[in-house]
């Protein structure tokens, strides 16, 4: 989330408040999607390997459906610029991958 907010601040300084809002929304979409995925993975207790794989797939589909819905909202309804939205999303994805790699 911090990385996304840094990107949002940079976008705001370079292109204005709409770009900052778009970048922040892109980062928030990934954070909320990751929380949805985590909830799907750990909610409900211990299951078989097949059940765990099903929960993983369900969580990933849910995550990307949520991200797509935020993109539709941001671009179609709020008319925010696309490039800062993608930059915020990309920054949050890279930060989460780095955090996951450091944790293992």
PDB file of N, CA and C in Angstrom:
ATOM      1  N   UNK A   1       0.829  -1.179   0.000  1.00  0.00           N
ATOM      2  CA  UNK A   1       0.000   0.000   0.000  1.00  0.00           C
ATOM      3  C   UNK A   1       0.881   1.253   0.000  1.00  0.00           C
ATOM      4  N   UNK A   2       1.966   1.199   0.740  1.00  0.00           N
ATOM      5  CA  UNK A   2       2.862   2.351   0.823  1.00  0.00           C
ATOM      6  C   UNK A   2       3.454   2.663  -0.542  1.00  0.00           C
ATOM      7  N   UNK A   3       3.863   1.636  -1.260  1.00  0.00           N
ATOM      8  CA  UNK A   3       4.421   1.844  -2.593  1.00  0.00           C
ATOM      9  C   UNK A   3       3.396   2.481  -3.520  1.00  0.00           C
ATOM     10  N   UNK A   4       2.166   2.030  -3.447  1.00  0.00           N
ATOM     11  CA  UNK A   4       1.103   2.611  -4.261  1.00  0.00           C
ATOM     12  C   UNK A   4       0.866   4.069  -3.938  1.00  0.00           C
ATOM     13  N   UNK A   5       0.957   4.413  -2.661  1.00  0.00           N
ATOM     14  CA  UNK A   5       0.750   5.810  -2.280  1.00  0.00           C
ATOM     15  C   UNK A   5       1.919   6.687  -2.734  1.00  0.00           C
ATOM     16  N   UNK A   6       3.126   6.130  -2.760  1.00  0.00           N
ATOM     17  CA  UNK A   6       4.273   6.880  -3.284  1.00  0.00           C
ATOM     18  C   UNK A   6       4.070   7.148  -4.773  1.00  0.00           C
ATOM     19  N   UNK A   7       3.603   6.135  -5.504  1.00  0.00           N
ATOM     20  CA  UNK A   7       3.320   6.312  -6.931  1.00  0.00           C
ATOM     21  C   UNK A   7       2.196   7.328  -7.115  1.00  0.00           C
ATOM     22  N   UNK A   8       1.177   7.268  -6.262  1.00  0.00           N
ATOM     23  CA  UNK A   8       0.073   8.231  -6.341  1.00  0.00           C
ATOM     24  C   UNK A   8       0.570   9.649  -6.091  1.00  0.00           C
ATOM     25  N   UNK A   9       1.459   9.818  -5.134  1.00  0.00           N
ATOM     26  CA  UNK A   9       2.021  11.144  -4.879  1.00  0.00           C
ATOM     27  C   UNK A   9       2.828  11.654  -6.057  1.00  0.00           C
ATOM     28  N   UNK A  10       3.624  10.776  -6.649  1.00  0.00           N
ATOM     29  CA  UNK A  10       4.407  11.181  -7.817  1.00  0.00           C
ATOM     30  C   UNK A  10       3.497  11.523  -8.995  1.00  0.00           C
ATOM     31  N   UNK A  11       2.447  10.715  -9.193  1.00  0.00           N
ATOM     32  CA  UNK A  11       1.511  10.999 -10.278  1.00  0.00           C
ATOM     33  C   UNK A  11       0.788  12.315 -10.028  1.00  0.00           C
ATOM     34  N   UNK A  12       0.456  12.584  -8.787  1.00  0.00           N
ATOM     35  CA  UNK A  12      -0.204  13.844  -8.446  1.00  0.00           C
ATOM     36  C   UNK A  12       0.681  15.040  -8.697  1.00  0.00           C
ATOM     37  N   UNK A  13       1.958  14.909  -8.383  1.00  0.00           N
ATOM     38  CA  UNK A  13       2.889  16.010  -8.620  1.00  0.00           C
ATOM     39  C   UNK A  13       3.104  16.252 -10.111  1.00  0.00           C
ATOM     40  N   UNK A  14       3.113  15.170 -10.885  1.00  0.00           N
ATOM     41  CA  UNK A  14       3.384  15.315 -12.311  1.00  0.00           C
ATOM     42  C   UNK A  14       2.138  15.669 -13.122  1.00  0.00           C
ATOM     43  N   UNK A  15       0.982  15.119 -12.759  1.00  0.00           N
ATOM     44  CA  UNK A  15      -0.186  15.270 -13.620  1.00  0.00           C
ATOM     45  C   UNK A  15      -1.452  15.783 -12.939  1.00  0.00           C
ATOM     46  N   UNK A  16      -1.427  15.969 -11.651  1.00  0.00           N
ATOM     47  CA  UNK A  16      -2.594  16.521 -10.991  1.00  0.00           C
ATOM     48  C   UNK A  16      -3.358  15.530 -10.132  1.00  0.00           C
ATOM     49  N   UNK A  17      -4.431  16.009  -9.517  1.00  0.00           N
ATOM     50  CA  UNK A  17      -5.167  15.187  -8.548  1.00  0.00           C
ATOM     51  C   UNK A  17      -5.908  13.995  -9.160  1.00  0.00           C
ATOM     52  N   UNK A  18      -6.378  14.098 -10.402  1.00  0.00           N
ATOM     53  CA  UNK A  18      -7.057  12.952 -11.015  1.00  0.00           C
ATOM     54  C   UNK A  18      -6.080  11.798 -11.226  1.00  0.00           C
ATOM     55  N   UNK A  19      -4.847  12.116 -11.607  1.00  0.00           N
ATOM     56  CA  UNK A  19      -3.838  11.073 -11.786  1.00  0.00           C
ATOM     57  C   UNK A  19      -3.473  10.450 -10.449  1.00  0.00           C
ATOM     58  N   UNK A  20      -3.383  11.263  -9.407  1.00  0.00           N
ATOM     59  CA  UNK A  20      -3.085  10.738  -8.075  1.00  0.00           C
ATOM     60  C   UNK A  20      -4.194   9.809  -7.603  1.00  0.00           C
ATOM     61  N   UNK A  21      -5.437  10.200  -7.826  1.00  0.00           N
ATOM     62  CA  UNK A  21      -6.568   9.355  -7.434  1.00  0.00           C
ATOM     63  C   UNK A  21      -6.561   8.044  -8.211  1.00  0.00           C
ATOM     64  N   UNK A  22      -6.234   8.107  -9.487  1.00  0.00           N
ATOM     65  CA  UNK A  22      -6.197   6.898 -10.307  1.00  0.00           C
ATOM     66  C   UNK A  22      -5.113   5.942  -9.817  1.00  0.00           C
ATOM     67  N   UNK A  23      -3.918   6.459  -9.537  1.00  0.00           N
ATOM     68  CA  UNK A  23      -2.830   5.606  -9.059  1.00  0.00           C
ATOM     69  C   UNK A  23      -3.167   4.995  -7.702  1.00  0.00           C
ATOM     70  N   UNK A  24      -3.744   5.785  -6.830  1.00  0.00           N
ATOM     71  CA  UNK A  24      -4.130   5.271  -5.511  1.00  0.00           C
ATOM     72  C   UNK A  24      -5.201   4.193  -5.651  1.00  0.00           C
ATOM     73  N   UNK A  25      -6.146   4.401  -6.541  1.00  0.00           N
ATOM     74  CA  UNK A  25      -7.209   3.418  -6.748  1.00  0.00           C
ATOM     75  C   UNK A  25      -6.657   2.114  -7.328  1.00  0.00           C
ATOM     76  N   UNK A  26      -5.670   2.216  -8.201  1.00  0.00           N
ATOM     77  CA  UNK A  26      -5.029   1.014  -8.733  1.00  0.00           C
ATOM     78  C   UNK A  26      -4.349   0.205  -7.638  1.00  0.00           C
ATOM     79  N   UNK A  27      -3.660   0.888  -6.731  1.00  0.00           N
ATOM     80  CA  UNK A  27      -2.997   0.205  -5.620  1.00  0.00           C
ATOM     81  C   UNK A  27      -4.021  -0.384  -4.654  1.00  0.00           C
ATOM     82  N   UNK A  28      -5.068   0.356  -4.376  1.00  0.00           N
ATOM     83  CA  UNK A  28      -6.103  -0.122  -3.461  1.00  0.00           C
ATOM     84  C   UNK A  28      -6.789  -1.360  -4.028  1.00  0.00           C
ATOM     85  N   UNK A  29      -6.974  -1.404  -5.344  1.00  0.00           N
ATOM     86  CA  UNK A  29      -7.596  -2.576  -5.968  1.00  0.00           C
ATOM     87  C   UNK A  29      -6.778  -3.836  -5.710  1.00  0.00           C
ATOM     88  N   UNK A  30      -5.459  -3.734  -5.834  1.00  0.00           N
ATOM     89  CA  UNK A  30      -4.601  -4.899  -5.586  1.00  0.00           C
ATOM     90  C   UNK A  30      -4.615  -5.276  -4.112  1.00  0.00           C
ATOM     91  N   UNK A  31      -4.563  -4.298  -3.228  1.00  0.00           N
ATOM     92  CA  UNK A  31      -4.569  -4.589  -1.790  1.00  0.00           C
ATOM     93  C   UNK A  31      -5.878  -5.278  -1.394  1.00  0.00           C
ATOM     94  N   UNK A  32      -7.014  -4.748  -1.846  1.00  0.00           N
ATOM     95  CA  UNK A  32      -8.296  -5.369  -1.516  1.00  0.00           C
ATOM     96  C   UNK A  32      -8.425  -6.754  -2.144  1.00  0.00           C
ATOM     97  N   UNK A  33      -7.938  -6.900  -3.371  1.00  0.00           N
ATOM     98  CA  UNK A  33      -7.958  -8.212  -4.014  1.00  0.00           C
ATOM     99  C   UNK A  33      -7.100  -9.222  -3.278  1.00  0.00           C
ATOM    100  N   UNK A  34      -5.960  -8.792  -2.792  1.00  0.00           N
ATOM    101  CA  UNK A  34      -5.084  -9.689  -2.023  1.00  0.00           C
ATOM    102  C   UNK A  34      -5.725 -10.075  -0.699  1.00  0.00           C
ATOM    103  N   UNK A  35      -6.416  -9.135  -0.074  1.00  0.00           N
ATOM    104  CA  UNK A  35      -7.135  -9.471   1.157  1.00  0.00           C
ATOM    105  C   UNK A  35      -8.244 -10.482   0.883  1.00  0.00           C
ATOM    106  N   UNK A  36      -8.938 -10.331  -0.237  1.00  0.00           N
ATOM    107  CA  UNK A  36      -9.968 -11.285  -0.625  1.00  0.00           C
ATOM    108  C   UNK A  36      -9.364 -12.666  -0.852  1.00  0.00           C
ATOM    109  N   UNK A  37      -8.219 -12.713  -1.530  1.00  0.00           N
ATOM    110  CA  UNK A  37      -7.530 -13.973  -1.764  1.00  0.00           C
ATOM    111  C   UNK A  37      -7.100 -14.615  -0.447  1.00  0.00           C
ATOM    112  N   UNK A  38      -6.520 -13.841   0.446  1.00  0.00           N
ATOM    113  CA  UNK A  38      -6.086 -14.372   1.733  1.00  0.00           C
ATOM    114  C   UNK A  38      -7.264 -14.906   2.538  1.00  0.00           C
ATOM    115  N   UNK A  39      -8.364 -14.186   2.494  1.00  0.00           N
ATOM    116  CA  UNK A  39      -9.571 -14.638   3.205  1.00  0.00           C
ATOM    117  C   UNK A  39     -10.066 -15.968   2.644  1.00  0.00           C
ATOM    118  N   UNK A  40     -10.016 -16.117   1.332  1.00  0.00           N
ATOM    119  CA  UNK A  40     -10.447 -17.375   0.710  1.00  0.00           C
ATOM    120  C   UNK A  40      -9.510 -18.517   1.078  1.00  0.00           C
ATOM    121  N   UNK A  41      -8.221 -18.228   1.210  1.00  0.00           N
ATOM    122  CA  UNK A  41      -7.247 -19.283   1.502  1.00  0.00           C
ATOM    123  C   UNK A  41      -7.301 -19.758   2.940  1.00  0.00           C
ATOM    124  N   UNK A  42      -7.415 -18.855   3.888  1.00  0.00           N
ATOM    125  CA  UNK A  42      -7.324 -19.251   5.299  1.00  0.00           C
ATOM    126  C   UNK A  42      -8.680 -19.388   5.975  1.00  0.00           C
ATOM    127  N   UNK A  43      -9.723 -18.891   5.359  1.00  0.00           N
ATOM    128  CA  UNK A  43     -11.046 -19.016   5.962  1.00  0.00           C
ATOM    129  C   UNK A  43     -11.586 -20.419   5.796  1.00  0.00           C
ATOM    130  N   UNK A  44     -12.189 -20.963   6.829  1.00  0.00           N
ATOM    131  CA  UNK A  44     -12.838 -22.257   6.701  1.00  0.00           C
ATOM    132  C   UNK A  44     -12.045 -23.443   7.201  1.00  0.00           C
ATOM    133  N   UNK A  45     -10.878 -23.230   7.745  1.00  0.00           N
ATOM    134  CA  UNK A  45     -10.149 -24.331   8.356  1.00  0.00           C
ATOM    135  C   UNK A  45      -9.333 -25.162   7.388  1.00  0.00           C
ATOM    136  N   UNK A  46      -8.997 -26.382   7.835  1.00  0.00           N
ATOM    137  CA  UNK A  46      -8.109 -27.275   7.100  1.00  0.00           C
ATOM    138  C   UNK A  46      -8.940 -28.167   6.174  1.00  0.00           C
ATOM    139  N   UNK A  47      -8.461 -28.302   4.925  1.00  0.00           N
ATOM    140  CA  UNK A  47      -9.138 -29.143   3.941  1.00  0.00           C
ATOM    141  C   UNK A  47      -8.109 -30.012   3.233  1.00  0.00           C
ATOM    142  N   UNK A  48      -8.585 -30.866   2.364  1.00  0.00           N
ATOM    143  CA  UNK A  48      -7.696 -31.708   1.562  1.00  0.00           C
ATOM    144  C   UNK A  48      -6.946 -30.851   0.550  1.00  0.00           C
ATOM    145  N   UNK A  49      -6.011 -31.475  -0.143  1.00  0.00           N
ATOM    146  CA  UNK A  49      -5.243 -30.755  -1.163  1.00  0.00           C
ATOM    147  C   UNK A  49      -6.150 -30.248  -2.274  1.00  0.00           C
ATOM    148  N   UNK A  50      -7.130 -31.047  -2.661  1.00  0.00           N
ATOM    149  CA  UNK A  50      -8.067 -30.636  -3.701  1.00  0.00           C
ATOM    150  C   UNK A  50      -8.875 -29.433  -3.237  1.00  0.00           C
ATOM    151  N   UNK A  51      -9.310 -29.462  -1.987  1.00  0.00           N
ATOM    152  CA  UNK A  51     -10.053 -28.333  -1.438  1.00  0.00           C
ATOM    153  C   UNK A  51      -9.201 -27.079  -1.360  1.00  0.00           C
ATOM    154  N   UNK A  52      -7.930 -27.246  -0.983  1.00  0.00           N
ATOM    155  CA  UNK A  52      -7.030 -26.092  -0.902  1.00  0.00           C
ATOM    156  C   UNK A  52      -6.782 -25.493  -2.283  1.00  0.00           C
ATOM    157  N   UNK A  53      -6.625 -26.352  -3.275  1.00  0.00           N
ATOM    158  CA  UNK A  53      -6.425 -25.864  -4.637  1.00  0.00           C
ATOM    159  C   UNK A  53      -7.674 -25.140  -5.143  1.00  0.00           C
ATOM    160  N   UNK A  54      -8.823 -25.681  -4.831  1.00  0.00           N
ATOM    161  CA  UNK A  54     -10.069 -25.027  -5.214  1.00  0.00           C
ATOM    162  C   UNK A  54     -10.218 -23.666  -4.566  1.00  0.00           C
ATOM    163  N   UNK A  55      -9.854 -23.563  -3.294  1.00  0.00           N
ATOM    164  CA  UNK A  55      -9.916 -22.276  -2.598  1.00  0.00           C
ATOM    165  C   UNK A  55      -8.928 -21.285  -3.194  1.00  0.00           C
ATOM    166  N   UNK A  56      -7.735 -21.770  -3.569  1.00  0.00           N
ATOM    167  CA  UNK A  56      -6.748 -20.905  -4.206  1.00  0.00           C
ATOM    168  C   UNK A  56      -7.281 -20.366  -5.536  1.00  0.00           C
ATOM    169  N   UNK A  57      -7.844 -21.236  -6.358  1.00  0.00           N
ATOM    170  CA  UNK A  57      -8.376 -20.804  -7.646  1.00  0.00           C
ATOM    171  C   UNK A  57      -9.552 -19.852  -7.461  1.00  0.00           C
ATOM    172  N   UNK A  58     -10.434 -20.156  -6.528  1.00  0.00           N
ATOM    173  CA  UNK A  58     -11.561 -19.280  -6.257  1.00  0.00           C
ATOM    174  C   UNK A  58     -11.080 -17.906  -5.777  1.00  0.00           C
ATOM    175  N   UNK A  59     -10.080 -17.893  -4.919  1.00  0.00           N
ATOM    176  CA  UNK A  59      -9.537 -16.634  -4.428  1.00  0.00           C
ATOM    177  C   UNK A  59      -8.878 -15.814  -5.522  1.00  0.00           C
ATOM    178  N   UNK A  60      -8.131 -16.472  -6.413  1.00  0.00           N
ATOM    179  CA  UNK A  60      -7.473 -15.751  -7.504  1.00  0.00           C
ATOM    180  C   UNK A  60      -8.488 -15.179  -8.480  1.00  0.00           C
ATOM    181  N   UNK A  61      -9.510 -15.960  -8.792  1.00  0.00           N
ATOM    182  CA  UNK A  61     -10.558 -15.458  -9.682  1.00  0.00           C
ATOM    183  C   UNK A  61     -11.265 -14.272  -9.038  1.00  0.00           C
ATOM    184  N   UNK A  62     -11.564 -14.398  -7.757  1.00  0.00           N
ATOM    185  CA  UNK A  62     -12.201 -13.293  -7.036  1.00  0.00           C
ATOM    186  C   UNK A  62     -11.339 -12.044  -7.023  1.00  0.00           C
ATOM    187  N   UNK A  63     -10.039 -12.233  -6.825  1.00  0.00           N
ATOM    188  CA  UNK A  63      -9.119 -11.098  -6.794  1.00  0.00           C
ATOM    189  C   UNK A  63      -9.143 -10.346  -8.124  1.00  0.00           C
ATOM    190  N   UNK A  64      -9.027 -11.058  -9.227  1.00  0.00           N
ATOM    191  CA  UNK A  64      -8.937 -10.386 -10.513  1.00  0.00           C
ATOM    192  C   UNK A  64     -10.284  -9.870 -10.994  1.00  0.00           C
ATOM    193  N   UNK A  65     -11.373 -10.477 -10.552  1.00  0.00           N
ATOM    194  CA  UNK A  65     -12.695  -9.909 -10.843  1.00  0.00           C
ATOM    195  C   UNK A  65     -12.859  -8.586 -10.103  1.00  0.00           C
ATOM    196  N   UNK A  66     -12.404  -8.541  -8.855  1.00  0.00           N
ATOM    197  CA  UNK A  66     -12.451  -7.291  -8.094  1.00  0.00           C
ATOM    198  C   UNK A  66     -11.601  -6.211  -8.752  1.00  0.00           C
ATOM    199  N   UNK A  67     -10.394  -6.566  -9.192  1.00  0.00           N
ATOM    200  CA  UNK A  67      -9.520  -5.598  -9.863  1.00  0.00           C
ATOM    201  C   UNK A  67     -10.176  -5.107 -11.152  1.00  0.00           C
ATOM    202  N   UNK A  68     -10.777  -6.011 -11.922  1.00  0.00           N
ATOM    203  CA  UNK A  68     -11.448  -5.612 -13.159  1.00  0.00           C
ATOM    204  C   UNK A  68     -12.627  -4.684 -12.865  1.00  0.00           C
ATOM    205  N   UNK A  69     -13.369  -4.965 -11.807  1.00  0.00           N
ATOM    206  CA  UNK A  69     -14.499  -4.109 -11.442  1.00  0.00           C
ATOM    207  C   UNK A  69     -14.029  -2.717 -11.051  1.00  0.00           C
ATOM    208  N   UNK A  70     -12.917  -2.633 -10.333  1.00  0.00           N
ATOM    209  CA  UNK A  70     -12.366  -1.324  -9.964  1.00  0.00           C
ATOM    210  C   UNK A  70     -11.915  -0.581 -11.219  1.00  0.00           C
ATOM    211  N   UNK A  71     -11.321  -1.286 -12.173  1.00  0.00           N
ATOM    212  CA  UNK A  71     -10.904  -0.638 -13.419  1.00  0.00           C
ATOM    213  C   UNK A  71     -12.105  -0.108 -14.187  1.00  0.00           C
ATOM    214  N   UNK A  72     -13.174  -0.889 -14.269  1.00  0.00           N
ATOM    215  CA  UNK A  72     -14.389  -0.429 -14.954  1.00  0.00           C
ATOM    216  C   UNK A  72     -14.945   0.800 -14.256  1.00  0.00           C
ATOM    217  N   UNK A  73     -14.977   0.762 -12.937  1.00  0.00           N
ATOM    218  CA  UNK A  73     -15.448   1.912 -12.157  1.00  0.00           C
ATOM    219  C   UNK A  73     -14.578   3.140 -12.408  1.00  0.00           C
ATOM    220  N   UNK A  74     -13.268   2.956 -12.340  1.00  0.00           N
ATOM    221  CA  UNK A  74     -12.347   4.093 -12.466  1.00  0.00           C
ATOM    222  C   UNK A  74     -12.346   4.686 -13.868  1.00  0.00           C
ATOM    223  N   UNK A  75     -12.349   3.838 -14.880  1.00  0.00           N
ATOM    224  CA  UNK A  75     -12.248   4.328 -16.247  1.00  0.00           C
ATOM    225  C   UNK A  75     -13.617   4.718 -16.799  1.00  0.00           C
ATOM    226  N   UNK A  76     -14.590   3.852 -16.618  1.00  0.00           N
ATOM    227  CA  UNK A  76     -15.885   4.076 -17.224  1.00  0.00           C
ATOM    228  C   UNK A  76     -16.756   5.085 -16.507  1.00  0.00           C
ATOM    229  N   UNK A  77     -16.770   5.047 -15.188  1.00  0.00           N
ATOM    230  CA  UNK A  77     -17.680   5.899 -14.429  1.00  0.00           C
ATOM    231  C   UNK A  77     -16.990   7.161 -13.918  1.00  0.00           C
ATOM    232  N   UNK A  78     -15.820   6.989 -13.300  1.00  0.00           N
ATOM    233  CA  UNK A  78     -15.124   8.151 -12.725  1.00  0.00           C
ATOM    234  C   UNK A  78     -14.277   8.915 -13.741  1.00  0.00           C
ATOM    235  N   UNK A  79     -14.055   8.323 -14.920  1.00  0.00           N
ATOM    236  CA  UNK A  79     -13.277   8.955 -16.003  1.00  0.00           C
ATOM    237  C   UNK A  79     -11.860   9.340 -15.560  1.00  0.00           C
ATOM    238  N   UNK A  80     -11.219   8.444 -14.819  1.00  0.00           N
ATOM    239  CA  UNK A  80      -9.842   8.686 -14.381  1.00  0.00           C
ATOM    240  C   UNK A  80      -8.872   8.258 -15.473  1.00  0.00           C
ATOM    241  N   UNK A  81      -7.672   8.849 -15.508  1.00  0.00           N
ATOM    242  CA  UNK A  81      -6.692   8.482 -16.534  1.00  0.00           C
ATOM    243  C   UNK A  81      -6.186   7.049 -16.342  1.00  0.00           C
ATOM    244  N   UNK A  82      -5.943   6.372 -17.452  1.00  0.00           N
ATOM    245  CA  UNK A  82      -5.609   4.954 -17.429  1.00  0.00           C
ATOM    246  C   UNK A  82      -4.164   4.701 -16.999  1.00  0.00           C
ATOM    247  N   UNK A  83      -3.223   5.458 -17.515  1.00  0.00           N
ATOM    248  CA  UNK A  83      -1.814   5.193 -17.238  1.00  0.00           C
ATOM    249  C   UNK A  83      -1.475   5.263 -15.744  1.00  0.00           C
ATOM    250  N   UNK A  84      -1.902   6.284 -15.003  1.00  0.00           N
ATOM    251  CA  UNK A  84      -1.627   6.262 -13.561  1.00  0.00           C
ATOM    252  C   UNK A  84      -2.324   5.111 -12.844  1.00  0.00           C
ATOM    253  N   UNK A  85      -3.494   4.723 -13.320  1.00  0.00           N
ATOM    254  CA  UNK A  85      -4.209   3.590 -12.729  1.00  0.00           C
ATOM    255  C   UNK A  85      -3.382   2.318 -12.870  1.00  0.00           C
ATOM    256  N   UNK A  86      -2.843   2.101 -14.061  1.00  0.00           N
ATOM    257  CA  UNK A  86      -2.008   0.924 -14.301  1.00  0.00           C
ATOM    258  C   UNK A  86      -0.700   1.023 -13.518  1.00  0.00           C
ATOM    259  N   UNK A  87      -0.148   2.233 -13.411  1.00  0.00           N
ATOM    260  CA  UNK A  87       1.103   2.408 -12.652  1.00  0.00           C
ATOM    261  C   UNK A  87       0.901   2.074 -11.178  1.00  0.00           C
ATOM    262  N   UNK A  88      -0.207   2.512 -10.591  1.00  0.00           N
ATOM    263  CA  UNK A  88      -0.494   2.184  -9.197  1.00  0.00           C
ATOM    264  C   UNK A  88      -0.691   0.695  -9.004  1.00  0.00           C
ATOM    265  N   UNK A  89      -1.390   0.067  -9.927  1.00  0.00           N
ATOM    266  CA  UNK A  89      -1.598  -1.372  -9.876  1.00  0.00           C
ATOM    267  C   UNK A  89      -0.273  -2.113  -9.987  1.00  0.00           C
ATOM    268  N   UNK A  90       0.549  -1.731 -10.961  1.00  0.00           N
ATOM    269  CA  UNK A  90       1.835  -2.400 -11.169  1.00  0.00           C
ATOM    270  C   UNK A  90       2.754  -2.234  -9.960  1.00  0.00           C
ATOM    271  N   UNK A  91       2.780  -1.048  -9.374  1.00  0.00           N
ATOM    272  CA  UNK A  91       3.623  -0.820  -8.200  1.00  0.00           C
ATOM    273  C   UNK A  91       3.183  -1.699  -7.039  1.00  0.00           C
ATOM    274  N   UNK A  92       1.877  -1.832  -6.850  1.00  0.00           N
ATOM    275  CA  UNK A  92       1.377  -2.666  -5.754  1.00  0.00           C
ATOM    276  C   UNK A  92       1.662  -4.145  -6.005  1.00  0.00           C
ATOM    277  N   UNK A  93       1.545  -4.591  -7.252  1.00  0.00           N
ATOM    278  CA  UNK A  93       1.839  -5.990  -7.576  1.00  0.00           C
ATOM    279  C   UNK A  93       3.312  -6.293  -7.351  1.00  0.00           C
ATOM    280  N   UNK A  94       4.192  -5.415  -7.824  1.00  0.00           N
ATOM    281  CA  UNK A  94       5.637  -5.633  -7.642  1.00  0.00           C
ATOM    282  C   UNK A  94       5.992  -5.620  -6.161  1.00  0.00           C
ATOM    283  N   UNK A  95       5.433  -4.684  -5.401  1.00  0.00           N
ATOM    284  CA  UNK A  95       5.714  -4.624  -3.966  1.00  0.00           C
ATOM    285  C   UNK A  95       5.240  -5.893  -3.256  1.00  0.00           C
ATOM    286  N   UNK A  96       4.085  -6.422  -3.650  1.00  0.00           N
ATOM    287  CA  UNK A  96       3.589  -7.628  -2.999  1.00  0.00           C
ATOM    288  C   UNK A  96       4.447  -8.844  -3.377  1.00  0.00           C
ATOM    289  N   UNK A  97       4.946  -8.891  -4.616  1.00  0.00           N
ATOM    290  CA  UNK A  97       5.829  -9.976  -5.001  1.00  0.00           C
ATOM    291  C   UNK A  97       7.153  -9.917  -4.249  1.00  0.00           C
ATOM    292  N   UNK A  98       7.685  -8.709  -4.090  1.00  0.00           N
ATOM    293  CA  UNK A  98       8.930  -8.551  -3.331  1.00  0.00           C
ATOM    294  C   UNK A  98       8.719  -8.952  -1.874  1.00  0.00           C
ATOM    295  N   UNK A  99       7.607  -8.542  -1.300  1.00  0.00           N
ATOM    296  CA  UNK A  99       7.312  -8.898   0.093  1.00  0.00           C
ATOM    297  C   UNK A  99       7.154 -10.404   0.247  1.00  0.00           C
ATOM    298  N   UNK A 100       6.502 -11.052  -0.717  1.00  0.00           N
ATOM    299  CA  UNK A 100       6.322 -12.503  -0.655  1.00  0.00           C
ATOM    300  C   UNK A 100       7.666 -13.228  -0.800  1.00  0.00           C
ATOM    301  N   UNK A 101       8.522 -12.713  -1.662  1.00  0.00           N
ATOM    302  CA  UNK A 101       9.842 -13.342  -1.858  1.00  0.00           C
ATOM    303  C   UNK A 101      10.704 -13.178  -0.610  1.00  0.00           C
ATOM    304  N   UNK A 102      10.602 -12.054   0.051  1.00  0.00           N
ATOM    305  CA  UNK A 102      11.393 -11.826   1.267  1.00  0.00           C
ATOM    306  C   UNK A 102      10.878 -12.667   2.420  1.00  0.00           C
ATOM    307  N   UNK A 103       9.578 -12.962   2.444  1.00  0.00           N
ATOM    308  CA  UNK A 103       8.986 -13.708   3.543  1.00  0.00           C
ATOM    309  C   UNK A 103       9.326 -15.196   3.467  1.00  0.00           C
ATOM    310  N   UNK A 104       9.637 -15.689   2.277  1.00  0.00           N
ATOM    311  CA  UNK A 104       9.892 -17.127   2.171  1.00  0.00           C
ATOM    312  C   UNK A 104      11.352 -17.478   2.238  1.00  0.00           C
TER     313      UNK A 104
END
